[in-house]
Amino acid sequence: MPVMERAIDAAASEAGFTGLLTIDTGDERVLAKTYGFAHRALAVPNATTTRFAIASGSKAWTALAVMRLVEDGVMALGDRVRPILKNDLPLIDDGVSLEHLLTHTSGIDDYLDEDGDGDAAEYVLPVPEQVLAETEEFIPVVDGYPQAFVPGERFKYCNGGYIVLALIAERVSGVPFHDLVEREVCDRVALRHTAFLRSDELPADTALGDHFAEGNRTNVLHLPVRGNGGIYTTADELHWFWLALTAGRIVTPWSVEQMLRPRHDVPTKGCGTGWASGSTRPDRRSCSRATTPGCRSARPTTRRPRRRSACSATAPRMRGL
């Protein structure tokens, strides 16, 4: 076994990693390693074709759907969101724009504060999870949170801001959000196994979200039955997504540049539009990390566009990688 594989196996064992790790250079898959189970109770092993929910990695899909509407002239980045929200979410400042939401600078206080003292994995939704299947039904989840700061003043990662983005995209386009993402992102680059699935009717090729490092409990009671995040995808389609994105096949090269450009000097990471950039040189390296209750760092991806290489780890639960 090559040294790199032995090192990866050792790191996966130490971290208790379960999932799939892939390394790609251009169109060539250099490495694919599976660990653990897609379904622990039934001892169904993870496979290279397993679909994983990628938690907040889905923010890239939300941002791309919004940018497609911007490119089509349906709305502009500088547009204020209040006229679209109308009387809903009245505590959102009148000055909040589409760009503020995309870049986590809206100042909206978050329903799930990942920087707080609580454990995000123990978060319990304020409404029954089974009713949260369509975008409009998420309004009570993000309602009632006052502004934390003036729009544009600074960066603060905001899950609720991306729920608001999904709501705005749906209202402006007149197309249900999940259908909009399928049409404007997935269908444009033939992502046939990438979709927002209901957690109560998952197909056989999907991994359940493990809530703890051991045992059979899943995270199904901590997440919406069908969210605006947590899209399911495979390692192959994740790689194809990156190739298509950087080639300008989903949005224009100008939009890609704007989305990858770091906007903020945040410790340990920069932040563009839809994902975090792990370098202040977006042409050198970009990465996205996802965190959702019961699904930690669900899909870290490191992408080097000039070398057309990527390293992705997809998992129902992961610590330390």
C-alpha atoms as a PDB file:
ATOM      1  CA  MET A   1       0.000   0.000   0.000  1.00  0.00           C
ATOM      2  CA  PRO A   2       1.442   3.438  -0.956  1.00  0.00           C
ATOM      3  CA  VAL A   3       2.560   5.750   1.838  1.00  0.00           C
ATOM      4  CA  MET A   4      -0.241   8.238   1.105  1.00  0.00           C
ATOM      5  CA  GLU A   5      -2.938   5.577   1.459  1.00  0.00           C
ATOM      6  CA  ARG A   6      -1.464   4.314   4.716  1.00  0.00           C
ATOM      7  CA  ALA A   7      -1.404   7.865   6.079  1.00  0.00           C
ATOM      8  CA  ILE A   8      -5.019   8.431   5.022  1.00  0.00           C
ATOM      9  CA  ASP A   9      -6.139   5.142   6.572  1.00  0.00           C
ATOM     10  CA  ALA A  10      -4.377   6.034   9.815  1.00  0.00           C
ATOM     11  CA  ALA A  11      -5.962   9.492   9.912  1.00  0.00           C
ATOM     12  CA  ALA A  12      -9.410   8.063   9.153  1.00  0.00           C
ATOM     13  CA  SER A  13      -9.043   5.470  11.900  1.00  0.00           C
ATOM     14  CA  GLU A  14      -7.888   8.034  14.449  1.00  0.00           C
ATOM     15  CA  ALA A  15     -10.734  10.411  13.591  1.00  0.00           C
ATOM     16  CA  GLY A  16     -13.406   7.693  13.472  1.00  0.00           C
ATOM     17  CA  PHE A  17     -14.182   8.791   9.918  1.00  0.00           C
ATOM     18  CA  THR A  18     -16.999   7.076   8.069  1.00  0.00           C
ATOM     19  CA  GLY A  19     -17.674   8.009   4.463  1.00  0.00           C
ATOM     20  CA  LEU A  20     -15.796   8.392   1.198  1.00  0.00           C
ATOM     21  CA  LEU A  21     -12.551  10.177   0.384  1.00  0.00           C
ATOM     22  CA  THR A  22     -11.629  10.926  -3.222  1.00  0.00           C
ATOM     23  CA  ILE A  23      -8.684  12.622  -4.902  1.00  0.00           C
ATOM     24  CA  ASP A  24      -9.024  13.669  -8.542  1.00  0.00           C
ATOM     25  CA  THR A  25      -6.588  15.233 -10.975  1.00  0.00           C
ATOM     26  CA  GLY A  26      -8.382  16.527 -14.019  1.00  0.00           C
ATOM     27  CA  ASP A  27     -10.653  13.741 -15.224  1.00  0.00           C
ATOM     28  CA  GLU A  28      -8.585  11.045 -13.516  1.00  0.00           C
ATOM     29  CA  ARG A  29      -9.563   9.594 -10.150  1.00  0.00           C
ATOM     30  CA  VAL A  30      -6.296   9.113  -8.300  1.00  0.00           C
ATOM     31  CA  LEU A  31      -7.752   7.699  -5.101  1.00  0.00           C
ATOM     32  CA  ALA A  32     -11.120   6.546  -3.765  1.00  0.00           C
ATOM     33  CA  LYS A  33     -11.347   5.157  -0.233  1.00  0.00           C
ATOM     34  CA  THR A  34     -14.533   4.154   1.573  1.00  0.00           C
ATOM     35  CA  TYR A  35     -14.900   3.754   5.320  1.00  0.00           C
ATOM     36  CA  GLY A  36     -17.724   2.615   7.572  1.00  0.00           C
ATOM     37  CA  PHE A  37     -21.405   2.196   6.871  1.00  0.00           C
ATOM     38  CA  ALA A  38     -24.095   4.041   4.955  1.00  0.00           C
ATOM     39  CA  HIS A  39     -26.575   2.282   7.275  1.00  0.00           C
ATOM     40  CA  ARG A  40     -25.008   1.151  10.530  1.00  0.00           C
ATOM     41  CA  ALA A  41     -27.883  -0.906  11.864  1.00  0.00           C
ATOM     42  CA  LEU A  42     -28.054  -2.996   8.687  1.00  0.00           C
ATOM     43  CA  ALA A  43     -24.257  -2.968   8.187  1.00  0.00           C
ATOM     44  CA  VAL A  44     -24.581  -1.534   4.659  1.00  0.00           C
ATOM     45  CA  PRO A  45     -21.091  -0.330   3.734  1.00  0.00           C
ATOM     46  CA  ASN A  46     -20.403   3.002   2.098  1.00  0.00           C
ATOM     47  CA  ALA A  47     -19.621   2.702  -1.613  1.00  0.00           C
ATOM     48  CA  THR A  48     -18.079   5.011  -4.189  1.00  0.00           C
ATOM     49  CA  THR A  49     -21.601   5.570  -5.543  1.00  0.00           C
ATOM     50  CA  THR A  50     -23.239   6.347  -2.181  1.00  0.00           C
ATOM     51  CA  ARG A  51     -25.176   9.611  -2.011  1.00  0.00           C
ATOM     52  CA  PHE A  52     -24.433  11.792   1.024  1.00  0.00           C
ATOM     53  CA  ALA A  53     -26.276  14.858   2.322  1.00  0.00           C
ATOM     54  CA  ILE A  54     -23.694  17.647   2.172  1.00  0.00           C
ATOM     55  CA  ALA A  55     -25.271  19.967   4.762  1.00  0.00           C
ATOM     56  CA  SER A  56     -24.184  23.592   4.304  1.00  0.00           C
ATOM     57  CA  GLY A  57     -22.164  22.628   1.255  1.00  0.00           C
ATOM     58  CA  SER A  58     -25.564  23.153  -0.375  1.00  0.00           C
ATOM     59  CA  LYS A  59     -25.104  26.901   0.047  1.00  0.00           C
ATOM     60  CA  ALA A  60     -23.070  26.787  -3.166  1.00  0.00           C
ATOM     61  CA  TRP A  61     -26.142  25.433  -4.994  1.00  0.00           C
ATOM     62  CA  THR A  62     -28.335  28.148  -3.452  1.00  0.00           C
ATOM     63  CA  ALA A  63     -25.872  30.863  -4.423  1.00  0.00           C
ATOM     64  CA  LEU A  64     -25.631  29.528  -7.979  1.00  0.00           C
ATOM     65  CA  ALA A  65     -29.411  29.429  -8.386  1.00  0.00           C
ATOM     66  CA  VAL A  66     -29.550  33.057  -7.227  1.00  0.00           C
ATOM     67  CA  MET A  67     -26.699  34.056  -9.551  1.00  0.00           C
ATOM     68  CA  ARG A  68     -28.508  32.446 -12.481  1.00  0.00           C
ATOM     69  CA  LEU A  69     -31.493  34.689 -11.746  1.00  0.00           C
ATOM     70  CA  VAL A  70     -29.142  37.669 -11.570  1.00  0.00           C
ATOM     71  CA  GLU A  71     -27.599  36.759 -14.929  1.00  0.00           C
ATOM     72  CA  ASP A  72     -31.073  36.447 -16.446  1.00  0.00           C
ATOM     73  CA  GLY A  73     -31.914  39.951 -15.212  1.00  0.00           C
ATOM     74  CA  VAL A  74     -34.653  38.757 -12.878  1.00  0.00           C
ATOM     75  CA  MET A  75     -32.973  40.565  -9.980  1.00  0.00           C
ATOM     76  CA  ALA A  76     -29.713  42.368  -9.166  1.00  0.00           C
ATOM     77  CA  LEU A  77     -27.160  41.857  -6.411  1.00  0.00           C
ATOM     78  CA  GLY A  78     -27.873  45.309  -5.032  1.00  0.00           C
ATOM     79  CA  ASP A  79     -31.626  44.776  -4.808  1.00  0.00           C
ATOM     80  CA  ARG A  80     -33.112  45.233  -1.344  1.00  0.00           C
ATOM     81  CA  VAL A  81     -35.008  42.179  -0.139  1.00  0.00           C
ATOM     82  CA  ARG A  82     -37.709  43.966   1.878  1.00  0.00           C
ATOM     83  CA  PRO A  83     -40.048  44.541  -1.126  1.00  0.00           C
ATOM     84  CA  ILE A  84     -39.871  40.816  -1.878  1.00  0.00           C
ATOM     85  CA  LEU A  85     -40.423  39.734   1.721  1.00  0.00           C
ATOM     86  CA  LYS A  86     -43.303  42.197   2.128  1.00  0.00           C
ATOM     87  CA  ASN A  87     -44.749  41.746   5.622  1.00  0.00           C
ATOM     88  CA  ASP A  88     -42.853  38.535   6.357  1.00  0.00           C
ATOM     89  CA  LEU A  89     -39.772  38.569   8.614  1.00  0.00           C
ATOM     90  CA  PRO A  90     -40.311  42.187   9.737  1.00  0.00           C
ATOM     91  CA  LEU A  91     -37.145  42.285  11.878  1.00  0.00           C
ATOM     92  CA  ILE A  92     -34.903  42.059   8.813  1.00  0.00           C
ATOM     93  CA  ASP A  93     -33.474  45.527   8.165  1.00  0.00           C
ATOM     94  CA  ASP A  94     -34.796  47.446   5.152  1.00  0.00           C
ATOM     95  CA  GLY A  95     -31.206  47.915   3.992  1.00  0.00           C
ATOM     96  CA  VAL A  96     -30.422  44.207   3.578  1.00  0.00           C
ATOM     97  CA  SER A  97     -29.596  43.394  -0.040  1.00  0.00           C
ATOM     98  CA  LEU A  98     -29.237  40.202  -2.017  1.00  0.00           C
ATOM     99  CA  GLU A  99     -25.446  40.560  -1.917  1.00  0.00           C
ATOM    100  CA  HIS A 100     -25.486  40.983   1.859  1.00  0.00           C
ATOM    101  CA  LEU A 101     -27.267  37.650   2.207  1.00  0.00           C
ATOM    102  CA  LEU A 102     -24.957  35.894  -0.232  1.00  0.00           C
ATOM    103  CA  THR A 103     -21.815  37.129   1.519  1.00  0.00           C
ATOM    104  CA  HIS A 104     -22.987  36.651   5.135  1.00  0.00           C
ATOM    105  CA  THR A 105     -22.941  40.376   5.851  1.00  0.00           C
ATOM    106  CA  SER A 106     -26.687  40.947   6.264  1.00  0.00           C
ATOM    107  CA  GLY A 107     -26.475  41.366  10.032  1.00  0.00           C
ATOM    108  CA  ILE A 108     -29.422  38.999  10.503  1.00  0.00           C
ATOM    109  CA  ASP A 109     -29.166  37.178  13.804  1.00  0.00           C
ATOM    110  CA  ASP A 110     -29.096  33.448  13.170  1.00  0.00           C
ATOM    111  CA  TYR A 111     -31.538  30.807  14.355  1.00  0.00           C
ATOM    112  CA  LEU A 112     -28.578  28.406  14.632  1.00  0.00           C
ATOM    113  CA  ASP A 113     -25.523  30.195  15.993  1.00  0.00           C
ATOM    114  CA  GLU A 114     -22.592  27.907  15.263  1.00  0.00           C
ATOM    115  CA  ASP A 115     -20.244  30.291  17.073  1.00  0.00           C
ATOM    116  CA  GLY A 116     -22.248  30.068  20.299  1.00  0.00           C
ATOM    117  CA  ASP A 117     -21.751  27.880  23.343  1.00  0.00           C
ATOM    118  CA  GLY A 118     -24.375  25.285  22.426  1.00  0.00           C
ATOM    119  CA  ASP A 119     -23.772  22.068  20.521  1.00  0.00           C
ATOM    120  CA  ALA A 120     -25.164  22.425  16.999  1.00  0.00           C
ATOM    121  CA  ALA A 121     -25.660  18.662  16.896  1.00  0.00           C
ATOM    122  CA  GLU A 122     -28.210  18.968  19.701  1.00  0.00           C
ATOM    123  CA  TYR A 123     -30.240  21.723  18.025  1.00  0.00           C
ATOM    124  CA  VAL A 124     -33.981  21.047  18.007  1.00  0.00           C
ATOM    125  CA  LEU A 125     -36.188  22.759  15.446  1.00  0.00           C
ATOM    126  CA  PRO A 126     -38.851  25.134  16.820  1.00  0.00           C
ATOM    127  CA  VAL A 127     -41.517  23.512  14.629  1.00  0.00           C
ATOM    128  CA  PRO A 128     -42.118  19.819  13.831  1.00  0.00           C
ATOM    129  CA  GLU A 129     -39.488  18.699  11.327  1.00  0.00           C
ATOM    130  CA  GLN A 130     -42.030  16.826   9.198  1.00  0.00           C
ATOM    131  CA  VAL A 131     -43.782  20.058   8.167  1.00  0.00           C
ATOM    132  CA  LEU A 132     -40.561  21.576   6.838  1.00  0.00           C
ATOM    133  CA  ALA A 133     -40.641  20.337   3.267  1.00  0.00           C
ATOM    134  CA  GLU A 134     -41.231  23.521   1.239  1.00  0.00           C
ATOM    135  CA  THR A 135     -39.494  26.894   1.450  1.00  0.00           C
ATOM    136  CA  GLU A 136     -42.405  29.032   2.662  1.00  0.00           C
ATOM    137  CA  GLU A 137     -42.827  26.697   5.640  1.00  0.00           C
ATOM    138  CA  PHE A 138     -39.406  27.773   6.950  1.00  0.00           C
ATOM    139  CA  ILE A 139     -40.534  31.338   7.715  1.00  0.00           C
ATOM    140  CA  PRO A 140     -41.391  30.551  11.390  1.00  0.00           C
ATOM    141  CA  VAL A 141     -37.911  29.041  11.838  1.00  0.00           C
ATOM    142  CA  VAL A 142     -36.096  32.289  10.931  1.00  0.00           C
ATOM    143  CA  ASP A 143     -38.706  34.745  12.216  1.00  0.00           C
ATOM    144  CA  GLY A 144     -38.275  36.737  15.420  1.00  0.00           C
ATOM    145  CA  TYR A 145     -34.514  37.306  15.304  1.00  0.00           C
ATOM    146  CA  PRO A 146     -33.506  40.992  15.456  1.00  0.00           C
ATOM    147  CA  GLN A 147     -30.600  42.458  13.537  1.00  0.00           C
ATOM    148  CA  ALA A 148     -27.241  41.723  15.166  1.00  0.00           C
ATOM    149  CA  PHE A 149     -25.492  44.563  13.309  1.00  0.00           C
ATOM    150  CA  VAL A 150     -25.950  47.051  10.470  1.00  0.00           C
ATOM    151  CA  PRO A 151     -26.063  45.402   7.014  1.00  0.00           C
ATOM    152  CA  GLY A 152     -22.639  45.348   5.395  1.00  0.00           C
ATOM    153  CA  GLU A 153     -20.791  46.237   8.602  1.00  0.00           C
ATOM    154  CA  ARG A 154     -18.964  42.919   8.944  1.00  0.00           C
ATOM    155  CA  PHE A 155     -19.009  39.187   8.253  1.00  0.00           C
ATOM    156  CA  LYS A 156     -20.933  36.675  10.360  1.00  0.00           C
ATOM    157  CA  TYR A 157     -21.799  33.252   9.039  1.00  0.00           C
ATOM    158  CA  CYS A 158     -25.574  33.004   8.845  1.00  0.00           C
ATOM    159  CA  ASN A 159     -27.568  29.857   8.097  1.00  0.00           C
ATOM    160  CA  GLY A 160     -30.843  31.761   8.260  1.00  0.00           C
ATOM    161  CA  GLY A 161     -29.659  34.165   5.580  1.00  0.00           C
ATOM    162  CA  TYR A 162     -29.542  31.324   3.082  1.00  0.00           C
ATOM    163  CA  ILE A 163     -33.063  30.239   4.001  1.00  0.00           C
ATOM    164  CA  VAL A 164     -34.117  33.807   3.227  1.00  0.00           C
ATOM    165  CA  LEU A 165     -32.228  33.591  -0.092  1.00  0.00           C
ATOM    166  CA  ALA A 166     -34.126  30.431  -1.017  1.00  0.00           C
ATOM    167  CA  LEU A 167     -37.399  32.165  -0.167  1.00  0.00           C
ATOM    168  CA  ILE A 168     -36.507  35.201  -2.279  1.00  0.00           C
ATOM    169  CA  ALA A 169     -35.372  33.087  -5.244  1.00  0.00           C
ATOM    170  CA  GLU A 170     -38.634  31.138  -5.122  1.00  0.00           C
ATOM    171  CA  ARG A 171     -40.826  34.238  -4.935  1.00  0.00           C
ATOM    172  CA  VAL A 172     -38.990  36.166  -7.654  1.00  0.00           C
ATOM    173  CA  SER A 173     -38.774  33.261 -10.100  1.00  0.00           C
ATOM    174  CA  GLY A 174     -42.220  31.834  -9.391  1.00  0.00           C
ATOM    175  CA  VAL A 175     -40.610  28.369  -9.296  1.00  0.00           C
ATOM    176  CA  PRO A 176     -40.417  26.194  -6.140  1.00  0.00           C
ATOM    177  CA  PHE A 177     -36.876  26.466  -4.782  1.00  0.00           C
ATOM    178  CA  HIS A 178     -35.963  22.781  -5.091  1.00  0.00           C
ATOM    179  CA  ASP A 179     -37.197  22.758  -8.693  1.00  0.00           C
ATOM    180  CA  LEU A 180     -35.285  25.975  -9.377  1.00  0.00           C
ATOM    181  CA  VAL A 181     -32.002  24.467  -8.173  1.00  0.00           C
ATOM    182  CA  GLU A 182     -32.643  21.353 -10.238  1.00  0.00           C
ATOM    183  CA  ARG A 183     -33.336  23.424 -13.369  1.00  0.00           C
ATOM    184  CA  GLU A 184     -30.698  26.127 -13.031  1.00  0.00           C
ATOM    185  CA  VAL A 185     -27.840  24.112 -11.548  1.00  0.00           C
ATOM    186  CA  CYS A 186     -28.226  20.332 -11.680  1.00  0.00           C
ATOM    187  CA  ASP A 187     -29.839  19.975 -15.106  1.00  0.00           C
ATOM    188  CA  ARG A 188     -27.386  22.372 -16.739  1.00  0.00           C
ATOM    189  CA  VAL A 189     -24.499  19.988 -16.035  1.00  0.00           C
ATOM    190  CA  ALA A 190     -26.338  16.639 -15.893  1.00  0.00           C
ATOM    191  CA  LEU A 191     -26.153  16.032 -12.132  1.00  0.00           C
ATOM    192  CA  ARG A 192     -28.649  13.156 -12.226  1.00  0.00           C
ATOM    193  CA  HIS A 193     -27.979  11.849  -8.726  1.00  0.00           C
ATOM    194  CA  THR A 194     -27.922  15.226  -6.954  1.00  0.00           C
ATOM    195  CA  ALA A 195     -31.203  16.330  -5.388  1.00  0.00           C
ATOM    196  CA  PHE A 196     -33.022  17.544  -2.295  1.00  0.00           C
ATOM    197  CA  LEU A 197     -34.440  14.275  -0.945  1.00  0.00           C
ATOM    198  CA  ARG A 198     -36.969  13.719   1.818  1.00  0.00           C
ATOM    199  CA  SER A 199     -35.376  12.120   4.855  1.00  0.00           C
ATOM    200  CA  ASP A 200     -38.453   9.920   5.377  1.00  0.00           C
ATOM    201  CA  GLU A 201     -38.235   8.288   1.931  1.00  0.00           C
ATOM    202  CA  LEU A 202     -34.552   8.016   1.084  1.00  0.00           C
ATOM    203  CA  PRO A 203     -33.589   5.733  -1.815  1.00  0.00           C
ATOM    204  CA  ALA A 204     -31.367   2.730  -1.209  1.00  0.00           C
ATOM    205  CA  ASP A 205     -28.139   4.393  -2.394  1.00  0.00           C
ATOM    206  CA  THR A 206     -28.135   7.155   0.258  1.00  0.00           C
ATOM    207  CA  ALA A 207     -26.278   7.265   3.563  1.00  0.00           C
ATOM    208  CA  LEU A 208     -28.163   7.945   6.767  1.00  0.00           C
ATOM    209  CA  GLY A 209     -26.907  10.817   8.916  1.00  0.00           C
ATOM    210  CA  ASP A 210     -25.256   9.375  12.001  1.00  0.00           C
ATOM    211  CA  HIS A 211     -25.979  11.503  15.058  1.00  0.00           C
ATOM    212  CA  PHE A 212     -23.189  10.097  17.214  1.00  0.00           C
ATOM    213  CA  ALA A 213     -19.812   8.544  16.499  1.00  0.00           C
ATOM    214  CA  GLU A 214     -21.178   5.235  17.793  1.00  0.00           C
ATOM    215  CA  GLY A 215     -24.599   3.629  17.877  1.00  0.00           C
ATOM    216  CA  ASN A 216     -27.477   3.576  15.402  1.00  0.00           C
ATOM    217  CA  ARG A 217     -29.211   6.873  16.192  1.00  0.00           C
ATOM    218  CA  THR A 218     -29.575   9.131  13.132  1.00  0.00           C
ATOM    219  CA  ASN A 219     -30.026  12.905  12.880  1.00  0.00           C
ATOM    220  CA  VAL A 220     -33.506  12.684  11.330  1.00  0.00           C
ATOM    221  CA  LEU A 221     -35.203  14.370  14.318  1.00  0.00           C
ATOM    222  CA  HIS A 222     -32.791  17.318  14.211  1.00  0.00           C
ATOM    223  CA  LEU A 223     -33.269  18.298  10.567  1.00  0.00           C
ATOM    224  CA  PRO A 224     -36.124  19.347   8.262  1.00  0.00           C
ATOM    225  CA  VAL A 225     -37.680  16.475   6.379  1.00  0.00           C
ATOM    226  CA  ARG A 226     -36.619  18.304   3.201  1.00  0.00           C
ATOM    227  CA  GLY A 227     -34.511  21.378   3.710  1.00  0.00           C
ATOM    228  CA  ASN A 228     -33.136  24.205   1.634  1.00  0.00           C
ATOM    229  CA  GLY A 229     -29.733  22.810   2.588  1.00  0.00           C
ATOM    230  CA  GLY A 230     -28.570  19.228   2.846  1.00  0.00           C
ATOM    231  CA  ILE A 231     -28.713  18.393  -0.833  1.00  0.00           C
ATOM    232  CA  TYR A 232     -27.667  14.800  -1.580  1.00  0.00           C
ATOM    233  CA  THR A 233     -24.913  14.052  -4.070  1.00  0.00           C
ATOM    234  CA  THR A 234     -22.168  11.557  -4.947  1.00  0.00           C
ATOM    235  CA  ALA A 235     -18.412  11.980  -5.026  1.00  0.00           C
ATOM    236  CA  ASP A 236     -18.424  11.617  -8.822  1.00  0.00           C
ATOM    237  CA  GLU A 237     -21.050  14.324  -9.265  1.00  0.00           C
ATOM    238  CA  LEU A 238     -19.349  16.568  -6.730  1.00  0.00           C
ATOM    239  CA  HIS A 239     -16.170  16.411  -8.801  1.00  0.00           C
ATOM    240  CA  TRP A 240     -18.109  16.963 -12.020  1.00  0.00           C
ATOM    241  CA  PHE A 241     -19.829  19.930 -10.360  1.00  0.00           C
ATOM    242  CA  TRP A 242     -16.465  21.584  -9.633  1.00  0.00           C
ATOM    243  CA  LEU A 243     -15.184  21.003 -13.177  1.00  0.00           C
ATOM    244  CA  ALA A 244     -18.381  22.412 -14.674  1.00  0.00           C
ATOM    245  CA  LEU A 245     -18.451  25.377 -12.311  1.00  0.00           C
ATOM    246  CA  THR A 246     -14.867  26.487 -12.938  1.00  0.00           C
ATOM    247  CA  ALA A 247     -15.358  25.983 -16.690  1.00  0.00           C
ATOM    248  CA  GLY A 248     -18.239  28.467 -16.657  1.00  0.00           C
ATOM    249  CA  ARG A 249     -20.911  25.923 -17.533  1.00  0.00           C
ATOM    250  CA  ILE A 250     -23.301  26.796 -14.693  1.00  0.00           C
ATOM    251  CA  VAL A 251     -22.812  30.555 -14.470  1.00  0.00           C
ATOM    252  CA  THR A 252     -20.555  32.816 -16.527  1.00  0.00           C
ATOM    253  CA  PRO A 253     -16.814  33.055 -15.805  1.00  0.00           C
ATOM    254  CA  TRP A 254     -17.414  36.568 -14.418  1.00  0.00           C
ATOM    255  CA  SER A 255     -19.920  35.199 -11.933  1.00  0.00           C
ATOM    256  CA  VAL A 256     -17.545  32.385 -10.976  1.00  0.00           C
ATOM    257  CA  GLU A 257     -14.801  34.934 -10.315  1.00  0.00           C
ATOM    258  CA  GLN A 258     -17.132  37.016  -8.153  1.00  0.00           C
ATOM    259  CA  MET A 259     -18.270  33.967  -6.188  1.00  0.00           C
ATOM    260  CA  LEU A 260     -14.768  32.671  -5.526  1.00  0.00           C
ATOM    261  CA  ARG A 261     -13.280  36.066  -4.684  1.00  0.00           C
ATOM    262  CA  PRO A 262     -12.668  36.311  -0.910  1.00  0.00           C
ATOM    263  CA  ARG A 263     -14.684  39.191   0.509  1.00  0.00           C
ATOM    264  CA  HIS A 264     -13.635  39.129   4.149  1.00  0.00           C
ATOM    265  CA  ASP A 265     -10.576  38.656   6.287  1.00  0.00           C
ATOM    266  CA  VAL A 266     -11.902  36.011   8.644  1.00  0.00           C
ATOM    267  CA  PRO A 267      -9.481  34.011  10.837  1.00  0.00           C
ATOM    268  CA  THR A 268      -8.584  30.644   9.232  1.00  0.00           C
ATOM    269  CA  LYS A 269     -10.628  31.314   6.098  1.00  0.00           C
ATOM    270  CA  GLY A 270     -11.737  33.851   3.568  1.00  0.00           C
ATOM    271  CA  CYS A 271     -15.345  33.930   2.445  1.00  0.00           C
ATOM    272  CA  GLY A 272     -16.669  34.393  -1.055  1.00  0.00           C
ATOM    273  CA  THR A 273     -20.245  34.051  -2.250  1.00  0.00           C
ATOM    274  CA  GLY A 274     -21.718  30.669  -1.358  1.00  0.00           C
ATOM    275  CA  TRP A 275     -18.672  29.073   0.191  1.00  0.00           C
ATOM    276  CA  ALA A 276     -15.534  29.732   2.167  1.00  0.00           C
ATOM    277  CA  SER A 277     -12.205  30.192   0.437  1.00  0.00           C
ATOM    278  CA  GLY A 278      -9.267  28.757   2.309  1.00  0.00           C
ATOM    279  CA  SER A 279      -6.856  31.160   0.669  1.00  0.00           C
ATOM    280  CA  THR A 280      -6.765  34.830  -0.238  1.00  0.00           C
ATOM    281  CA  ARG A 281      -5.747  33.628  -3.697  1.00  0.00           C
ATOM    282  CA  PRO A 282      -8.937  32.159  -5.224  1.00  0.00           C
ATOM    283  CA  ASP A 283      -6.991  31.051  -8.313  1.00  0.00           C
ATOM    284  CA  ARG A 284      -4.828  28.889  -6.055  1.00  0.00           C
ATOM    285  CA  ARG A 285      -7.195  27.156  -3.725  1.00  0.00           C
ATOM    286  CA  SER A 286     -10.796  27.173  -2.637  1.00  0.00           C
ATOM    287  CA  CYS A 287     -12.590  25.022  -0.143  1.00  0.00           C
ATOM    288  CA  SER A 288     -16.019  24.562   1.314  1.00  0.00           C
ATOM    289  CA  ARG A 289     -16.868  23.173   4.726  1.00  0.00           C
ATOM    290  CA  ALA A 290     -20.312  22.171   5.826  1.00  0.00           C
ATOM    291  CA  THR A 291     -21.821  21.899   9.274  1.00  0.00           C
ATOM    292  CA  THR A 292     -25.344  20.776  10.066  1.00  0.00           C
ATOM    293  CA  PRO A 293     -26.831  19.376  13.292  1.00  0.00           C
ATOM    294  CA  GLY A 294     -25.671  15.779  13.560  1.00  0.00           C
ATOM    295  CA  CYS A 295     -23.610  16.091  10.386  1.00  0.00           C
ATOM    296  CA  ARG A 296     -20.305  17.757  11.167  1.00  0.00           C
ATOM    297  CA  SER A 297     -18.016  18.925   8.364  1.00  0.00           C
ATOM    298  CA  ALA A 298     -20.135  16.918   6.008  1.00  0.00           C
ATOM    299  CA  ARG A 299     -18.299  17.722   2.811  1.00  0.00           C
ATOM    300  CA  PRO A 300     -14.945  19.461   2.974  1.00  0.00           C
ATOM    301  CA  THR A 301     -13.570  19.936  -0.532  1.00  0.00           C
ATOM    302  CA  THR A 302     -10.260  21.401  -1.568  1.00  0.00           C
ATOM    303  CA  ARG A 303     -10.129  22.537  -5.158  1.00  0.00           C
ATOM    304  CA  ARG A 304      -7.110  23.771  -7.150  1.00  0.00           C
ATOM    305  CA  PRO A 305      -8.523  25.163 -10.417  1.00  0.00           C
ATOM    306  CA  ARG A 306      -5.244  25.672 -12.254  1.00  0.00           C
ATOM    307  CA  ARG A 307      -4.212  22.056 -11.693  1.00  0.00           C
ATOM    308  CA  ARG A 308      -7.814  20.866 -12.142  1.00  0.00           C
ATOM    309  CA  SER A 309      -7.426  18.751  -9.028  1.00  0.00           C
ATOM    310  CA  ALA A 310      -9.701  18.232  -6.061  1.00  0.00           C
ATOM    311  CA  CYS A 311      -9.811  16.344  -2.801  1.00  0.00           C
ATOM    312  CA  SER A 312     -13.269  15.666  -1.361  1.00  0.00           C
ATOM    313  CA  ALA A 313     -14.499  13.890   1.737  1.00  0.00           C
ATOM    314  CA  THR A 314     -18.201  13.041   1.844  1.00  0.00           C
ATOM    315  CA  ALA A 315     -19.674  11.587   5.009  1.00  0.00           C
ATOM    316  CA  PRO A 316     -22.804  11.249   7.137  1.00  0.00           C
ATOM    317  CA  ARG A 317     -20.731  12.329  10.117  1.00  0.00           C
ATOM    318  CA  MET A 318     -17.074  13.213  10.432  1.00  0.00           C
ATOM    319  CA  ARG A 319     -14.677  14.571  13.003  1.00  0.00           C
ATOM    320  CA  GLY A 320     -11.062  15.563  12.645  1.00  0.00           C
ATOM    321  CA  LEU A 321     -10.695  15.525   8.822  1.00  0.00           C
END
